[in-house]
Amino acid sequence: MKLRHVRLPAAAVVGAVLALAIDSRLRSYGVSVSLSVTCALAVFANTSAAINHLVEIATATTHRCKVPGCTFRVRLPDADPVESRRWQEAAAAHPAHTPARHS
């Protein structure tokens, strides 16, 4: 089974556990049901999205342009070797080299 099939459900489970913990803590302080559920859902959504994003970043393949100062890059989260090679060649041969902006 590929990581992409497990990534989102695993992130949702962690988010649900944290949401239930937050909901339980808020209710023990007498917070209304609607407010504690709202906070729990916000924790669930943000935790799930953050975990999914971090795992995607950690496992993605990134191809960058080799020209010094060019900021062109391509990030492939779940690419097979053929697609990865195709994007590697595209990054090396793209026509518009964009310089990095300095503030």
N, C-alpha and C. Protein backbone atom coordinates (compact mmCIF):
# COMPACT_ATOMS: atom_id res chain seq x y z
N MET A 1 0.84 -1.17 0.00
CA MET A 1 0.00 0.00 0.00
C MET A 1 0.89 1.24 0.00
N LYS A 2 0.53 2.19 -0.83
CA LYS A 2 1.33 3.41 -0.95
C LYS A 2 1.03 4.37 0.20
N LEU A 3 2.00 5.23 0.48
CA LEU A 3 1.86 6.19 1.56
C LEU A 3 0.68 7.12 1.34
N ARG A 4 0.38 7.46 0.11
CA ARG A 4 -0.72 8.40 -0.14
C ARG A 4 -2.07 7.85 0.27
N HIS A 5 -2.20 6.50 0.32
CA HIS A 5 -3.46 5.89 0.74
C HIS A 5 -3.61 5.89 2.26
N VAL A 6 -2.53 6.05 2.98
CA VAL A 6 -2.55 6.01 4.44
C VAL A 6 -2.42 7.40 5.04
N ARG A 7 -1.83 8.31 4.30
CA ARG A 7 -1.50 9.64 4.81
C ARG A 7 -2.72 10.39 5.35
N LEU A 8 -3.75 10.53 4.56
CA LEU A 8 -4.91 11.30 4.98
C LEU A 8 -5.70 10.62 6.10
N PRO A 9 -5.98 9.31 6.02
CA PRO A 9 -6.67 8.68 7.15
C PRO A 9 -5.88 8.76 8.46
N ALA A 10 -4.57 8.60 8.39
CA ALA A 10 -3.76 8.69 9.61
C ALA A 10 -3.81 10.10 10.18
N ALA A 11 -3.73 11.10 9.33
CA ALA A 11 -3.82 12.49 9.78
C ALA A 11 -5.19 12.76 10.39
N ALA A 12 -6.24 12.18 9.82
CA ALA A 12 -7.59 12.36 10.35
C ALA A 12 -7.74 11.71 11.73
N VAL A 13 -7.13 10.56 11.92
CA VAL A 13 -7.20 9.89 13.22
C VAL A 13 -6.50 10.73 14.29
N VAL A 14 -5.32 11.24 13.99
CA VAL A 14 -4.60 12.08 14.95
C VAL A 14 -5.41 13.35 15.24
N GLY A 15 -5.98 13.94 14.20
CA GLY A 15 -6.81 15.13 14.38
C GLY A 15 -8.03 14.85 15.23
N ALA A 16 -8.66 13.69 15.03
CA ALA A 16 -9.85 13.32 15.81
C ALA A 16 -9.50 13.10 17.28
N VAL A 17 -8.37 12.46 17.54
CA VAL A 17 -7.95 12.24 18.93
C VAL A 17 -7.71 13.58 19.63
N LEU A 18 -7.01 14.49 18.97
CA LEU A 18 -6.78 15.81 19.57
C LEU A 18 -8.08 16.59 19.74
N ALA A 19 -8.98 16.48 18.77
CA ALA A 19 -10.26 17.19 18.86
C ALA A 19 -11.09 16.67 20.03
N LEU A 20 -11.10 15.36 20.23
CA LEU A 20 -11.84 14.80 21.36
C LEU A 20 -11.22 15.23 22.69
N ALA A 21 -9.91 15.29 22.74
CA ALA A 21 -9.24 15.74 23.97
C ALA A 21 -9.58 17.20 24.27
N ILE A 22 -9.57 18.05 23.25
CA ILE A 22 -9.91 19.46 23.44
C ILE A 22 -11.37 19.59 23.86
N ASP A 23 -12.26 18.86 23.21
CA ASP A 23 -13.67 18.90 23.55
C ASP A 23 -13.89 18.48 25.00
N SER A 24 -13.23 17.43 25.42
CA SER A 24 -13.37 16.94 26.79
C SER A 24 -12.88 17.98 27.80
N ARG A 25 -11.73 18.58 27.52
CA ARG A 25 -11.17 19.60 28.43
C ARG A 25 -12.09 20.81 28.52
N LEU A 26 -12.61 21.27 27.38
CA LEU A 26 -13.46 22.45 27.39
C LEU A 26 -14.76 22.18 28.14
N ARG A 27 -15.34 21.00 27.94
CA ARG A 27 -16.59 20.68 28.64
C ARG A 27 -16.38 20.57 30.14
N SER A 28 -15.19 20.13 30.57
CA SER A 28 -14.93 20.05 32.01
C SER A 28 -14.89 21.44 32.65
N TYR A 29 -14.66 22.49 31.87
CA TYR A 29 -14.69 23.85 32.37
C TYR A 29 -16.06 24.50 32.22
N GLY A 30 -17.03 23.75 31.75
CA GLY A 30 -18.39 24.28 31.63
C GLY A 30 -18.64 25.09 30.38
N VAL A 31 -17.80 24.94 29.37
CA VAL A 31 -17.99 25.64 28.11
C VAL A 31 -19.20 25.02 27.40
N SER A 32 -19.99 25.84 26.73
CA SER A 32 -21.19 25.34 26.06
C SER A 32 -20.84 24.31 24.99
N VAL A 33 -21.80 23.45 24.71
CA VAL A 33 -21.59 22.37 23.73
C VAL A 33 -21.25 22.94 22.36
N SER A 34 -21.99 23.97 21.94
CA SER A 34 -21.75 24.52 20.60
C SER A 34 -20.34 25.11 20.48
N LEU A 35 -19.87 25.77 21.52
CA LEU A 35 -18.53 26.36 21.47
C LEU A 35 -17.45 25.28 21.53
N SER A 36 -17.62 24.28 22.38
CA SER A 36 -16.60 23.23 22.47
C SER A 36 -16.54 22.39 21.19
N VAL A 37 -17.70 22.14 20.57
CA VAL A 37 -17.71 21.39 19.30
C VAL A 37 -17.05 22.22 18.20
N THR A 38 -17.32 23.52 18.19
CA THR A 38 -16.69 24.40 17.20
C THR A 38 -15.17 24.39 17.35
N CYS A 39 -14.69 24.48 18.57
CA CYS A 39 -13.24 24.45 18.82
C CYS A 39 -12.66 23.09 18.44
N ALA A 40 -13.37 22.02 18.78
CA ALA A 40 -12.89 20.67 18.46
C ALA A 40 -12.80 20.47 16.95
N LEU A 41 -13.80 20.95 16.22
CA LEU A 41 -13.76 20.83 14.76
C LEU A 41 -12.63 21.64 14.16
N ALA A 42 -12.35 22.81 14.72
CA ALA A 42 -11.24 23.63 14.23
C ALA A 42 -9.91 22.93 14.49
N VAL A 43 -9.76 22.33 15.66
CA VAL A 43 -8.53 21.58 15.97
C VAL A 43 -8.39 20.39 15.04
N PHE A 44 -9.49 19.68 14.81
CA PHE A 44 -9.47 18.52 13.91
C PHE A 44 -9.02 18.93 12.51
N ALA A 45 -9.65 19.96 11.97
CA ALA A 45 -9.34 20.38 10.59
C ALA A 45 -7.90 20.85 10.46
N ASN A 46 -7.45 21.67 11.38
CA ASN A 46 -6.09 22.21 11.28
C ASN A 46 -5.03 21.15 11.53
N THR A 47 -5.25 20.27 12.49
CA THR A 47 -4.28 19.21 12.76
C THR A 47 -4.18 18.26 11.58
N SER A 48 -5.32 17.85 11.06
CA SER A 48 -5.32 16.93 9.92
C SER A 48 -4.62 17.54 8.71
N ALA A 49 -4.93 18.79 8.41
CA ALA A 49 -4.32 19.46 7.26
C ALA A 49 -2.82 19.65 7.46
N ALA A 50 -2.41 20.03 8.67
CA ALA A 50 -0.99 20.26 8.93
C ALA A 50 -0.18 18.97 8.82
N ILE A 51 -0.69 17.90 9.40
CA ILE A 51 0.03 16.62 9.33
C ILE A 51 0.11 16.14 7.88
N ASN A 52 -1.00 16.22 7.16
CA ASN A 52 -1.00 15.81 5.76
C ASN A 52 0.01 16.63 4.95
N HIS A 53 0.05 17.92 5.18
CA HIS A 53 0.96 18.80 4.45
C HIS A 53 2.42 18.51 4.79
N LEU A 54 2.71 18.32 6.06
CA LEU A 54 4.09 18.04 6.47
C LEU A 54 4.59 16.71 5.92
N VAL A 55 3.74 15.69 5.93
CA VAL A 55 4.14 14.40 5.37
C VAL A 55 4.34 14.53 3.87
N GLU A 56 3.47 15.28 3.20
CA GLU A 56 3.61 15.48 1.76
C GLU A 56 4.91 16.19 1.43
N ILE A 57 5.26 17.20 2.20
CA ILE A 57 6.52 17.93 1.98
C ILE A 57 7.72 17.02 2.22
N ALA A 58 7.65 16.23 3.28
CA ALA A 58 8.78 15.36 3.63
C ALA A 58 9.01 14.25 2.61
N THR A 59 7.97 13.80 1.95
CA THR A 59 8.10 12.67 1.02
C THR A 59 8.10 13.09 -0.44
N ALA A 60 7.90 14.36 -0.73
CA ALA A 60 7.84 14.81 -2.12
C ALA A 60 9.23 14.91 -2.74
N THR A 61 9.25 14.75 -4.05
CA THR A 61 10.48 14.95 -4.81
C THR A 61 10.44 16.36 -5.40
N THR A 62 11.51 17.11 -5.24
CA THR A 62 11.57 18.47 -5.76
C THR A 62 12.67 18.57 -6.81
N HIS A 63 12.32 19.13 -7.97
CA HIS A 63 13.29 19.37 -9.03
C HIS A 63 13.43 20.88 -9.20
N ARG A 64 14.66 21.36 -9.20
CA ARG A 64 14.93 22.79 -9.34
C ARG A 64 15.76 23.05 -10.59
N CYS A 65 15.65 24.28 -11.07
CA CYS A 65 16.47 24.71 -12.19
C CYS A 65 17.92 24.83 -11.71
N LYS A 66 18.86 24.44 -12.55
CA LYS A 66 20.29 24.46 -12.19
C LYS A 66 20.96 25.80 -12.45
N VAL A 67 20.26 26.74 -13.10
CA VAL A 67 20.83 28.05 -13.39
C VAL A 67 20.94 28.83 -12.08
N PRO A 68 22.10 29.36 -11.75
CA PRO A 68 22.27 30.12 -10.50
C PRO A 68 21.31 31.31 -10.43
N GLY A 69 20.62 31.43 -9.31
CA GLY A 69 19.70 32.53 -9.11
C GLY A 69 18.28 32.28 -9.59
N CYS A 70 18.04 31.22 -10.34
CA CYS A 70 16.70 30.93 -10.84
C CYS A 70 15.90 30.23 -9.74
N THR A 71 14.66 30.66 -9.56
CA THR A 71 13.82 30.13 -8.49
C THR A 71 12.82 29.08 -8.97
N PHE A 72 12.90 28.65 -10.21
CA PHE A 72 11.95 27.68 -10.75
C PHE A 72 12.11 26.34 -10.05
N ARG A 73 10.98 25.77 -9.60
CA ARG A 73 11.03 24.44 -8.99
C ARG A 73 9.69 23.74 -9.19
N VAL A 74 9.74 22.42 -9.14
CA VAL A 74 8.56 21.58 -9.27
C VAL A 74 8.59 20.58 -8.12
N ARG A 75 7.49 20.50 -7.36
CA ARG A 75 7.39 19.54 -6.26
C ARG A 75 6.37 18.47 -6.64
N LEU A 76 6.79 17.22 -6.62
CA LEU A 76 5.94 16.09 -7.00
C LEU A 76 5.68 15.22 -5.77
N PRO A 77 4.44 15.22 -5.26
CA PRO A 77 4.17 14.46 -4.05
C PRO A 77 4.13 12.94 -4.24
N ASP A 78 3.57 12.47 -5.32
CA ASP A 78 3.43 11.02 -5.53
C ASP A 78 3.72 10.66 -6.99
N ALA A 79 4.93 10.91 -7.42
CA ALA A 79 5.27 10.68 -8.83
C ALA A 79 6.00 9.36 -9.01
N ASP A 80 5.70 8.71 -10.12
CA ASP A 80 6.45 7.49 -10.44
C ASP A 80 7.78 7.92 -11.09
N PRO A 81 8.74 7.00 -11.25
CA PRO A 81 10.06 7.38 -11.78
C PRO A 81 10.02 8.03 -13.16
N VAL A 82 9.12 7.58 -14.02
CA VAL A 82 9.04 8.15 -15.38
C VAL A 82 8.57 9.60 -15.32
N GLU A 83 7.53 9.85 -14.54
CA GLU A 83 7.02 11.22 -14.42
C GLU A 83 8.05 12.12 -13.73
N SER A 84 8.74 11.60 -12.73
CA SER A 84 9.77 12.37 -12.04
C SER A 84 10.89 12.76 -13.00
N ARG A 85 11.31 11.83 -13.84
CA ARG A 85 12.37 12.11 -14.82
C ARG A 85 11.92 13.17 -15.82
N ARG A 86 10.66 13.08 -16.25
CA ARG A 86 10.12 14.05 -17.21
C ARG A 86 10.14 15.46 -16.61
N TRP A 87 9.75 15.60 -15.34
CA TRP A 87 9.77 16.90 -14.70
C TRP A 87 11.18 17.38 -14.40
N GLN A 88 12.08 16.45 -14.15
CA GLN A 88 13.48 16.83 -13.94
C GLN A 88 14.04 17.46 -15.21
N GLU A 89 13.73 16.87 -16.36
CA GLU A 89 14.17 17.42 -17.65
C GLU A 89 13.50 18.76 -17.92
N ALA A 90 12.22 18.89 -17.56
CA ALA A 90 11.51 20.16 -17.77
C ALA A 90 12.11 21.27 -16.90
N ALA A 91 12.48 20.95 -15.68
CA ALA A 91 13.09 21.96 -14.80
C ALA A 91 14.45 22.40 -15.34
N ALA A 92 15.18 21.48 -15.94
CA ALA A 92 16.50 21.82 -16.48
C ALA A 92 16.41 22.63 -17.76
N ALA A 93 15.32 22.51 -18.49
CA ALA A 93 15.23 23.14 -19.80
C ALA A 93 14.14 24.21 -19.91
N HIS A 94 13.60 24.68 -18.81
CA HIS A 94 12.52 25.67 -18.92
C HIS A 94 13.08 26.99 -19.48
N PRO A 95 12.26 27.73 -20.25
CA PRO A 95 12.78 28.90 -20.97
C PRO A 95 12.89 30.19 -20.14
N ALA A 96 12.05 30.38 -19.13
CA ALA A 96 12.04 31.65 -18.41
C ALA A 96 12.71 31.50 -17.06
N HIS A 97 13.95 31.94 -16.97
CA HIS A 97 14.67 31.87 -15.70
C HIS A 97 14.33 33.09 -14.86
N THR A 98 13.71 32.86 -13.71
CA THR A 98 13.28 33.95 -12.86
C THR A 98 14.27 34.14 -11.72
N PRO A 99 14.80 35.35 -11.61
CA PRO A 99 15.78 35.59 -10.53
C PRO A 99 15.08 35.68 -9.18
N ALA A 100 15.80 35.36 -8.14
CA ALA A 100 15.27 35.47 -6.77
C ALA A 100 15.10 36.94 -6.43
N ARG A 101 14.01 37.26 -5.73
CA ARG A 101 13.78 38.63 -5.31
C ARG A 101 14.43 38.86 -3.97
N HIS A 102 15.13 39.95 -3.85
CA HIS A 102 15.77 40.31 -2.59
C HIS A 102 15.09 41.55 -2.04
N SER A 103 14.75 41.52 -0.78
CA SER A 103 14.07 42.67 -0.16
C SER A 103 15.06 43.63 0.40
